[in-house]
Amino acid sequence: MQLVRQLEKDFQLSVASDLIFNAQTAEELVVETQFFLEKVAVNTPAKFSSLLYRIDVAEADINNLQAGNLAEYLEQVTFLVLKREFQKVYIRNTL
């Protein structure tokens, strides 16, 4: 799955070179992405910012998030991350 490989590439370059995604379904990918994002956000906030920059999530989109707690925030960030990664894969395959 190209989307999983793209996620791994960006996470490995920004967070940890040994990080691997094992998701086999879309639902698993969402859960796993959110888990890794939470781990990075809580343990290494600087790497979290670097990761969002590498993935190229629009800063305006991040600033517009309406979340009451960390779980809601990470759920919304997960959506933005997966959306942007999908766009990268789609564009690469259609051009």
PDB file of N, CA and C in Angstrom:
ATOM      1  N   MET A   1       0.852  -1.181   0.000  1.00  0.00           N
ATOM      2  CA  MET A   1       0.000   0.000   0.000  1.00  0.00           C
ATOM      3  C   MET A   1       0.896   1.242   0.000  1.00  0.00           C
ATOM      4  N   GLN A   2       0.754   2.041  -1.032  1.00  0.00           N
ATOM      5  CA  GLN A   2       1.610   3.211  -1.192  1.00  0.00           C
ATOM      6  C   GLN A   2       1.419   4.248  -0.091  1.00  0.00           C
ATOM      7  N   LEU A   3       0.204   4.378   0.387  1.00  0.00           N
ATOM      8  CA  LEU A   3      -0.066   5.344   1.448  1.00  0.00           C
ATOM      9  C   LEU A   3       0.705   4.978   2.714  1.00  0.00           C
ATOM     10  N   VAL A   4       0.727   3.705   3.048  1.00  0.00           N
ATOM     11  CA  VAL A   4       1.462   3.242   4.231  1.00  0.00           C
ATOM     12  C   VAL A   4       2.950   3.526   4.056  1.00  0.00           C
ATOM     13  N   ARG A   5       3.500   3.261   2.881  1.00  0.00           N
ATOM     14  CA  ARG A   5       4.929   3.511   2.629  1.00  0.00           C
ATOM     15  C   ARG A   5       5.251   5.003   2.741  1.00  0.00           C
ATOM     16  N   GLN A   6       4.346   5.852   2.255  1.00  0.00           N
ATOM     17  CA  GLN A   6       4.570   7.296   2.348  1.00  0.00           C
ATOM     18  C   GLN A   6       4.556   7.747   3.807  1.00  0.00           C
ATOM     19  N   LEU A   7       3.612   7.234   4.581  1.00  0.00           N
ATOM     20  CA  LEU A   7       3.564   7.555   6.011  1.00  0.00           C
ATOM     21  C   LEU A   7       4.844   7.115   6.705  1.00  0.00           C
ATOM     22  N   GLU A   8       5.251   5.883   6.445  1.00  0.00           N
ATOM     23  CA  GLU A   8       6.478   5.365   7.058  1.00  0.00           C
ATOM     24  C   GLU A   8       7.667   6.252   6.716  1.00  0.00           C
ATOM     25  N   LYS A   9       7.784   6.619   5.468  1.00  0.00           N
ATOM     26  CA  LYS A   9       8.904   7.452   5.027  1.00  0.00           C
ATOM     27  C   LYS A   9       8.951   8.758   5.811  1.00  0.00           C
ATOM     28  N   ASP A  10       7.821   9.454   5.894  1.00  0.00           N
ATOM     29  CA  ASP A  10       7.798  10.741   6.584  1.00  0.00           C
ATOM     30  C   ASP A  10       8.012  10.586   8.088  1.00  0.00           C
ATOM     31  N   PHE A  11       7.403   9.575   8.699  1.00  0.00           N
ATOM     32  CA  PHE A  11       7.609   9.337  10.127  1.00  0.00           C
ATOM     33  C   PHE A  11       9.065   8.955  10.397  1.00  0.00           C
ATOM     34  N   GLN A  12       9.636   8.115   9.561  1.00  0.00           N
ATOM     35  CA  GLN A  12      11.017   7.680   9.769  1.00  0.00           C
ATOM     36  C   GLN A  12      11.993   8.840   9.635  1.00  0.00           C
ATOM     37  N   LEU A  13      11.757   9.736   8.702  1.00  0.00           N
ATOM     38  CA  LEU A  13      12.650  10.877   8.516  1.00  0.00           C
ATOM     39  C   LEU A  13      12.515  11.915   9.628  1.00  0.00           C
ATOM     40  N   SER A  14      11.349  11.992  10.256  1.00  0.00           N
ATOM     41  CA  SER A  14      11.117  13.023  11.268  1.00  0.00           C
ATOM     42  C   SER A  14      11.141  12.518  12.703  1.00  0.00           C
ATOM     43  N   VAL A  15      10.821  11.248  12.901  1.00  0.00           N
ATOM     44  CA  VAL A  15      10.632  10.754  14.269  1.00  0.00           C
ATOM     45  C   VAL A  15      11.647   9.679  14.633  1.00  0.00           C
ATOM     46  N   ALA A  16      11.537   8.522  13.989  1.00  0.00           N
ATOM     47  CA  ALA A  16      12.412   7.390  14.317  1.00  0.00           C
ATOM     48  C   ALA A  16      12.617   6.533  13.077  1.00  0.00           C
ATOM     49  N   SER A  17      13.865   6.255  12.774  1.00  0.00           N
ATOM     50  CA  SER A  17      14.176   5.532  11.537  1.00  0.00           C
ATOM     51  C   SER A  17      13.701   4.084  11.536  1.00  0.00           C
ATOM     52  N   ASP A  18      13.364   3.551  12.700  1.00  0.00           N
ATOM     53  CA  ASP A  18      12.926   2.150  12.769  1.00  0.00           C
ATOM     54  C   ASP A  18      11.408   1.997  12.885  1.00  0.00           C
ATOM     55  N   LEU A  19      10.680   3.074  12.755  1.00  0.00           N
ATOM     56  CA  LEU A  19       9.224   3.035  12.908  1.00  0.00           C
ATOM     57  C   LEU A  19       8.576   2.351  11.704  1.00  0.00           C
ATOM     58  N   ILE A  20       7.684   1.398  11.978  1.00  0.00           N
ATOM     59  CA  ILE A  20       7.028   0.628  10.908  1.00  0.00           C
ATOM     60  C   ILE A  20       5.523   0.614  11.158  1.00  0.00           C
ATOM     61  N   PHE A  21       4.763   0.829  10.106  1.00  0.00           N
ATOM     62  CA  PHE A  21       3.309   0.710  10.161  1.00  0.00           C
ATOM     63  C   PHE A  21       2.928  -0.702   9.731  1.00  0.00           C
ATOM     64  N   ASN A  22       2.063  -1.356  10.506  1.00  0.00           N
ATOM     65  CA  ASN A  22       1.642  -2.728  10.213  1.00  0.00           C
ATOM     66  C   ASN A  22       0.192  -2.816   9.763  1.00  0.00           C
ATOM     67  N   ALA A  23      -0.439  -1.699   9.512  1.00  0.00           N
ATOM     68  CA  ALA A  23      -1.863  -1.666   9.166  1.00  0.00           C
ATOM     69  C   ALA A  23      -2.141  -2.424   7.879  1.00  0.00           C
ATOM     70  N   GLN A  24      -3.227  -3.192   7.901  1.00  0.00           N
ATOM     71  CA  GLN A  24      -3.666  -3.945   6.727  1.00  0.00           C
ATOM     72  C   GLN A  24      -4.970  -3.394   6.150  1.00  0.00           C
ATOM     73  N   THR A  25      -5.690  -2.607   6.949  1.00  0.00           N
ATOM     74  CA  THR A  25      -6.954  -2.024   6.508  1.00  0.00           C
ATOM     75  C   THR A  25      -6.915  -0.519   6.757  1.00  0.00           C
ATOM     76  N   ALA A  26      -7.864   0.176   6.166  1.00  0.00           N
ATOM     77  CA  ALA A  26      -7.954   1.626   6.367  1.00  0.00           C
ATOM     78  C   ALA A  26      -8.200   1.961   7.836  1.00  0.00           C
ATOM     79  N   GLU A  27      -9.055   1.188   8.484  1.00  0.00           N
ATOM     80  CA  GLU A  27      -9.358   1.433   9.896  1.00  0.00           C
ATOM     81  C   GLU A  27      -8.111   1.255  10.754  1.00  0.00           C
ATOM     82  N   GLU A  28      -7.353   0.211  10.476  1.00  0.00           N
ATOM     83  CA  GLU A  28      -6.115  -0.022  11.219  1.00  0.00           C
ATOM     84  C   GLU A  28      -5.119   1.107  10.981  1.00  0.00           C
ATOM     85  N   LEU A  29      -5.076   1.616   9.766  1.00  0.00           N
ATOM     86  CA  LEU A  29      -4.161   2.704   9.446  1.00  0.00           C
ATOM     87  C   LEU A  29      -4.512   3.967  10.227  1.00  0.00           C
ATOM     88  N   VAL A  30      -5.785   4.258  10.342  1.00  0.00           N
ATOM     89  CA  VAL A  30      -6.221   5.428  11.113  1.00  0.00           C
ATOM     90  C   VAL A  30      -5.817   5.265  12.576  1.00  0.00           C
ATOM     91  N   VAL A  31      -6.108   4.109  13.148  1.00  0.00           N
ATOM     92  CA  VAL A  31      -5.790   3.857  14.561  1.00  0.00           C
ATOM     93  C   VAL A  31      -4.281   3.926  14.791  1.00  0.00           C
ATOM     94  N   GLU A  32      -3.524   3.287  13.927  1.00  0.00           N
ATOM     95  CA  GLU A  32      -2.075   3.255  14.088  1.00  0.00           C
ATOM     96  C   GLU A  32      -1.462   4.644  13.915  1.00  0.00           C
ATOM     97  N   THR A  33      -1.950   5.392  12.949  1.00  0.00           N
ATOM     98  CA  THR A  33      -1.449   6.753  12.731  1.00  0.00           C
ATOM     99  C   THR A  33      -1.727   7.620  13.944  1.00  0.00           C
ATOM    100  N   GLN A  34      -2.942   7.541  14.468  1.00  0.00           N
ATOM    101  CA  GLN A  34      -3.285   8.340  15.644  1.00  0.00           C
ATOM    102  C   GLN A  34      -2.433   7.930  16.841  1.00  0.00           C
ATOM    103  N   PHE A  35      -2.190   6.639  17.006  1.00  0.00           N
ATOM    104  CA  PHE A  35      -1.354   6.154  18.105  1.00  0.00           C
ATOM    105  C   PHE A  35       0.053   6.743  18.006  1.00  0.00           C
ATOM    106  N   PHE A  36       0.657   6.673  16.819  1.00  0.00           N
ATOM    107  CA  PHE A  36       2.012   7.203  16.643  1.00  0.00           C
ATOM    108  C   PHE A  36       2.044   8.721  16.813  1.00  0.00           C
ATOM    109  N   LEU A  37       1.025   9.406  16.321  1.00  0.00           N
ATOM    110  CA  LEU A  37       0.968  10.862  16.492  1.00  0.00           C
ATOM    111  C   LEU A  37       0.886  11.231  17.968  1.00  0.00           C
ATOM    112  N   GLU A  38       0.074  10.504  18.717  1.00  0.00           N
ATOM    113  CA  GLU A  38      -0.044  10.782  20.154  1.00  0.00           C
ATOM    114  C   GLU A  38       1.285  10.545  20.858  1.00  0.00           C
ATOM    115  N   LYS A  39       1.933   9.459  20.519  1.00  0.00           N
ATOM    116  CA  LYS A  39       3.222   9.133  21.128  1.00  0.00           C
ATOM    117  C   LYS A  39       4.238  10.246  20.872  1.00  0.00           C
ATOM    118  N   VAL A  40       4.287  10.723  19.654  1.00  0.00           N
ATOM    119  CA  VAL A  40       5.229  11.785  19.295  1.00  0.00           C
ATOM    120  C   VAL A  40       4.839  13.100  19.967  1.00  0.00           C
ATOM    121  N   ALA A  41       3.558  13.448  19.937  1.00  0.00           N
ATOM    122  CA  ALA A  41       3.100  14.721  20.507  1.00  0.00           C
ATOM    123  C   ALA A  41       3.374  14.800  22.003  1.00  0.00           C
ATOM    124  N   VAL A  42       3.173  13.701  22.700  1.00  0.00           N
ATOM    125  CA  VAL A  42       3.349  13.687  24.157  1.00  0.00           C
ATOM    126  C   VAL A  42       4.826  13.621  24.541  1.00  0.00           C
ATOM    127  N   ASN A  43       5.589  12.783  23.856  1.00  0.00           N
ATOM    128  CA  ASN A  43       6.980  12.540  24.257  1.00  0.00           C
ATOM    129  C   ASN A  43       7.986  13.514  23.657  1.00  0.00           C
ATOM    130  N   THR A  44       7.752  13.960  22.436  1.00  0.00           N
ATOM    131  CA  THR A  44       8.712  14.847  21.760  1.00  0.00           C
ATOM    132  C   THR A  44       7.969  15.880  20.911  1.00  0.00           C
ATOM    133  N   PRO A  45       7.438  16.918  21.554  1.00  0.00           N
ATOM    134  CA  PRO A  45       6.661  17.928  20.820  1.00  0.00           C
ATOM    135  C   PRO A  45       7.418  18.572  19.654  1.00  0.00           C
ATOM    136  N   ALA A  46       8.723  18.742  19.775  1.00  0.00           N
ATOM    137  CA  ALA A  46       9.490  19.342  18.676  1.00  0.00           C
ATOM    138  C   ALA A  46       9.458  18.437  17.445  1.00  0.00           C
ATOM    139  N   LYS A  47       9.547  17.135  17.657  1.00  0.00           N
ATOM    140  CA  LYS A  47       9.476  16.194  16.537  1.00  0.00           C
ATOM    141  C   LYS A  47       8.072  16.171  15.938  1.00  0.00           C
ATOM    142  N   PHE A  48       7.062  16.401  16.772  1.00  0.00           N
ATOM    143  CA  PHE A  48       5.680  16.459  16.280  1.00  0.00           C
ATOM    144  C   PHE A  48       5.540  17.608  15.285  1.00  0.00           C
ATOM    145  N   SER A  49       6.058  18.769  15.647  1.00  0.00           N
ATOM    146  CA  SER A  49       6.018  19.927  14.742  1.00  0.00           C
ATOM    147  C   SER A  49       6.808  19.655  13.474  1.00  0.00           C
ATOM    148  N   SER A  50       7.962  19.049  13.627  1.00  0.00           N
ATOM    149  CA  SER A  50       8.796  18.705  12.475  1.00  0.00           C
ATOM    150  C   SER A  50       8.084  17.722  11.554  1.00  0.00           C
ATOM    151  N   LEU A  51       7.389  16.764  12.135  1.00  0.00           N
ATOM    152  CA  LEU A  51       6.651  15.773  11.354  1.00  0.00           C
ATOM    153  C   LEU A  51       5.545  16.433  10.538  1.00  0.00           C
ATOM    154  N   LEU A  52       4.780  17.312  11.175  1.00  0.00           N
ATOM    155  CA  LEU A  52       3.705  18.001  10.455  1.00  0.00           C
ATOM    156  C   LEU A  52       4.274  18.854   9.325  1.00  0.00           C
ATOM    157  N   TYR A  53       5.426  19.459   9.564  1.00  0.00           N
ATOM    158  CA  TYR A  53       6.084  20.251   8.520  1.00  0.00           C
ATOM    159  C   TYR A  53       6.523  19.350   7.365  1.00  0.00           C
ATOM    160  N   ARG A  54       7.146  18.220   7.678  1.00  0.00           N
ATOM    161  CA  ARG A  54       7.619  17.290   6.643  1.00  0.00           C
ATOM    162  C   ARG A  54       6.455  16.764   5.815  1.00  0.00           C
ATOM    163  N   ILE A  55       5.359  16.410   6.493  1.00  0.00           N
ATOM    164  CA  ILE A  55       4.188  15.894   5.782  1.00  0.00           C
ATOM    165  C   ILE A  55       3.548  17.000   4.956  1.00  0.00           C
ATOM    166  N   ASP A  56       3.756  18.239   5.365  1.00  0.00           N
ATOM    167  CA  ASP A  56       3.233  19.409   4.671  1.00  0.00           C
ATOM    168  C   ASP A  56       1.754  19.628   4.969  1.00  0.00           C
ATOM    169  N   VAL A  57       1.395  19.431   6.230  1.00  0.00           N
ATOM    170  CA  VAL A  57       0.039  19.760   6.671  1.00  0.00           C
ATOM    171  C   VAL A  57      -0.018  21.279   6.788  1.00  0.00           C
ATOM    172  N   ALA A  58      -1.021  21.874   6.189  1.00  0.00           N
ATOM    173  CA  ALA A  58      -1.134  23.336   6.179  1.00  0.00           C
ATOM    174  C   ALA A  58      -1.262  23.878   7.600  1.00  0.00           C
ATOM    175  N   GLU A  59      -0.440  24.865   7.909  1.00  0.00           N
ATOM    176  CA  GLU A  59      -0.462  25.472   9.237  1.00  0.00           C
ATOM    177  C   GLU A  59      -1.833  26.077   9.535  1.00  0.00           C
ATOM    178  N   ALA A  60      -2.470  26.640   8.528  1.00  0.00           N
ATOM    179  CA  ALA A  60      -3.805  27.216   8.716  1.00  0.00           C
ATOM    180  C   ALA A  60      -4.803  26.143   9.134  1.00  0.00           C
ATOM    181  N   ASP A  61      -4.685  24.947   8.548  1.00  0.00           N
ATOM    182  CA  ASP A  61      -5.578  23.849   8.930  1.00  0.00           C
ATOM    183  C   ASP A  61      -5.364  23.452  10.383  1.00  0.00           C
ATOM    184  N   ILE A  62      -4.115  23.395  10.807  1.00  0.00           N
ATOM    185  CA  ILE A  62      -3.811  23.060  12.205  1.00  0.00           C
ATOM    186  C   ILE A  62      -4.367  24.136  13.128  1.00  0.00           C
ATOM    187  N   ASN A  63      -4.175  25.395  12.769  1.00  0.00           N
ATOM    188  CA  ASN A  63      -4.651  26.497  13.609  1.00  0.00           C
ATOM    189  C   ASN A  63      -6.170  26.562  13.684  1.00  0.00           C
ATOM    190  N   ASN A  64      -6.866  26.028  12.693  1.00  0.00           N
ATOM    191  CA  ASN A  64      -8.328  26.069  12.669  1.00  0.00           C
ATOM    192  C   ASN A  64      -8.991  24.895  13.378  1.00  0.00           C
ATOM    193  N   LEU A  65      -8.207  23.974  13.909  1.00  0.00           N
ATOM    194  CA  LEU A  65      -8.795  22.815  14.588  1.00  0.00           C
ATOM    195  C   LEU A  65      -9.546  23.255  15.836  1.00  0.00           C
ATOM    196  N   GLN A  66     -10.704  22.658  16.030  1.00  0.00           N
ATOM    197  CA  GLN A  66     -11.540  22.937  17.198  1.00  0.00           C
ATOM    198  C   GLN A  66     -11.608  21.672  18.047  1.00  0.00           C
ATOM    199  N   ALA A  67     -10.743  21.582  19.024  1.00  0.00           N
ATOM    200  CA  ALA A  67     -10.709  20.377  19.853  1.00  0.00           C
ATOM    201  C   ALA A  67     -10.730  20.761  21.323  1.00  0.00           C
ATOM    202  N   GLY A  68     -11.498  19.996  22.089  1.00  0.00           N
ATOM    203  CA  GLY A  68     -11.604  20.257  23.515  1.00  0.00           C
ATOM    204  C   GLY A  68     -10.524  19.578  24.332  1.00  0.00           C
ATOM    205  N   ASN A  69      -9.949  18.505  23.797  1.00  0.00           N
ATOM    206  CA  ASN A  69      -8.913  17.783  24.531  1.00  0.00           C
ATOM    207  C   ASN A  69      -7.909  17.183  23.553  1.00  0.00           C
ATOM    208  N   LEU A  70      -6.882  16.556  24.097  1.00  0.00           N
ATOM    209  CA  LEU A  70      -5.818  16.009  23.262  1.00  0.00           C
ATOM    210  C   LEU A  70      -6.323  14.929  22.317  1.00  0.00           C
ATOM    211  N   ALA A  71      -7.203  14.063  22.787  1.00  0.00           N
ATOM    212  CA  ALA A  71      -7.714  12.973  21.942  1.00  0.00           C
ATOM    213  C   ALA A  71      -8.462  13.524  20.729  1.00  0.00           C
ATOM    214  N   GLU A  72      -9.312  14.521  20.937  1.00  0.00           N
ATOM    215  CA  GLU A  72     -10.048  15.135  19.823  1.00  0.00           C
ATOM    216  C   GLU A  72      -9.086  15.833  18.860  1.00  0.00           C
ATOM    217  N   TYR A  73      -8.115  16.530  19.423  1.00  0.00           N
ATOM    218  CA  TYR A  73      -7.122  17.224  18.603  1.00  0.00           C
ATOM    219  C   TYR A  73      -6.366  16.227  17.731  1.00  0.00           C
ATOM    220  N   LEU A  74      -5.904  15.139  18.321  1.00  0.00           N
ATOM    221  CA  LEU A  74      -5.142  14.142  17.569  1.00  0.00           C
ATOM    222  C   LEU A  74      -5.997  13.426  16.536  1.00  0.00           C
ATOM    223  N   GLU A  75      -7.267  13.255  16.829  1.00  0.00           N
ATOM    224  CA  GLU A  75      -8.172  12.657  15.844  1.00  0.00           C
ATOM    225  C   GLU A  75      -8.255  13.545  14.603  1.00  0.00           C
ATOM    226  N   GLN A  76      -8.364  14.848  14.823  1.00  0.00           N
ATOM    227  CA  GLN A  76      -8.446  15.787  13.710  1.00  0.00           C
ATOM    228  C   GLN A  76      -7.109  15.904  12.969  1.00  0.00           C
ATOM    229  N   VAL A  77      -6.011  15.885  13.716  1.00  0.00           N
ATOM    230  CA  VAL A  77      -4.689  15.929  13.090  1.00  0.00           C
ATOM    231  C   VAL A  77      -4.461  14.666  12.265  1.00  0.00           C
ATOM    232  N   THR A  78      -4.911  13.531  12.771  1.00  0.00           N
ATOM    233  CA  THR A  78      -4.788  12.269  12.032  1.00  0.00           C
ATOM    234  C   THR A  78      -5.479  12.383  10.682  1.00  0.00           C
ATOM    235  N   PHE A  79      -6.670  12.954  10.669  1.00  0.00           N
ATOM    236  CA  PHE A  79      -7.391  13.153   9.408  1.00  0.00           C
ATOM    237  C   PHE A  79      -6.578  14.022   8.450  1.00  0.00           C
ATOM    238  N   LEU A  80      -6.037  15.130   8.961  1.00  0.00           N
ATOM    239  CA  LEU A  80      -5.261  16.035   8.111  1.00  0.00           C
ATOM    240  C   LEU A  80      -4.001  15.358   7.570  1.00  0.00           C
ATOM    241  N   VAL A  81      -3.337  14.585   8.417  1.00  0.00           N
ATOM    242  CA  VAL A  81      -2.118  13.880   8.006  1.00  0.00           C
ATOM    243  C   VAL A  81      -2.436  12.865   6.914  1.00  0.00           C
ATOM    244  N   LEU A  82      -3.453  12.046   7.145  1.00  0.00           N
ATOM    245  CA  LEU A  82      -3.802  11.024   6.155  1.00  0.00           C
ATOM    246  C   LEU A  82      -4.290  11.647   4.849  1.00  0.00           C
ATOM    247  N   LYS A  83      -5.027  12.732   4.966  1.00  0.00           N
ATOM    248  CA  LYS A  83      -5.497  13.425   3.762  1.00  0.00           C
ATOM    249  C   LYS A  83      -4.314  13.936   2.940  1.00  0.00           C
ATOM    250  N   ARG A  84      -3.355  14.557   3.604  1.00  0.00           N
ATOM    251  CA  ARG A  84      -2.198  15.108   2.886  1.00  0.00           C
ATOM    252  C   ARG A  84      -1.328  14.002   2.298  1.00  0.00           C
ATOM    253  N   GLU A  85      -1.124  12.940   3.053  1.00  0.00           N
ATOM    254  CA  GLU A  85      -0.324  11.823   2.541  1.00  0.00           C
ATOM    255  C   GLU A  85      -1.019  11.186   1.331  1.00  0.00           C
ATOM    256  N   PHE A  86      -2.333  11.056   1.390  1.00  0.00           N
ATOM    257  CA  PHE A  86      -3.076  10.518   0.251  1.00  0.00           C
ATOM    258  C   PHE A  86      -2.912  11.422  -0.968  1.00  0.00           C
ATOM    259  N   GLN A  87      -2.985  12.733  -0.745  1.00  0.00           N
ATOM    260  CA  GLN A  87      -2.809  13.676  -1.850  1.00  0.00           C
ATOM    261  C   GLN A  87      -1.443  13.504  -2.502  1.00  0.00           C
ATOM    262  N   LYS A  88      -0.411  13.329  -1.693  1.00  0.00           N
ATOM    263  CA  LYS A  88       0.937  13.148  -2.242  1.00  0.00           C
ATOM    264  C   LYS A  88       1.011  11.891  -3.107  1.00  0.00           C
ATOM    265  N   VAL A  89       0.449  10.800  -2.614  1.00  0.00           N
ATOM    266  CA  VAL A  89       0.466   9.541  -3.366  1.00  0.00           C
ATOM    267  C   VAL A  89      -0.353   9.682  -4.645  1.00  0.00           C
ATOM    268  N   TYR A  90      -1.519  10.285  -4.533  1.00  0.00           N
ATOM    269  CA  TYR A  90      -2.400  10.452  -5.696  1.00  0.00           C
ATOM    270  C   TYR A  90      -1.726  11.292  -6.781  1.00  0.00           C
ATOM    271  N   ILE A  91      -1.165  12.410  -6.378  1.00  0.00           N
ATOM    272  CA  ILE A  91      -0.511  13.301  -7.340  1.00  0.00           C
ATOM    273  C   ILE A  91       0.668  12.599  -8.002  1.00  0.00           C
ATOM    274  N   ARG A  92       1.462  11.903  -7.219  1.00  0.00           N
ATOM    275  CA  ARG A  92       2.616  11.190  -7.773  1.00  0.00           C
ATOM    276  C   ARG A  92       2.181  10.142  -8.804  1.00  0.00           C
ATOM    277  N   ASN A  93       1.053   9.498  -8.566  1.00  0.00           N
ATOM    278  CA  ASN A  93       0.587   8.438  -9.466  1.00  0.00           C
ATOM    279  C   ASN A  93      -0.173   8.952 -10.682  1.00  0.00           C
ATOM    280  N   THR A  94      -0.651  10.175 -10.640  1.00  0.00           N
ATOM    281  CA  THR A  94      -1.432  10.687 -11.764  1.00  0.00           C
ATOM    282  C   THR A  94      -0.633  11.610 -12.677  1.00  0.00           C
ATOM    283  N   LEU A  95       0.515  12.028 -12.249  1.00  0.00           N
ATOM    284  CA  LEU A  95       1.323  12.921 -13.100  1.00  0.00           C
ATOM    285  C   LEU A  95       2.311  12.156 -13.930  1.00  0.00           C
TER     286      LEU A  95
END
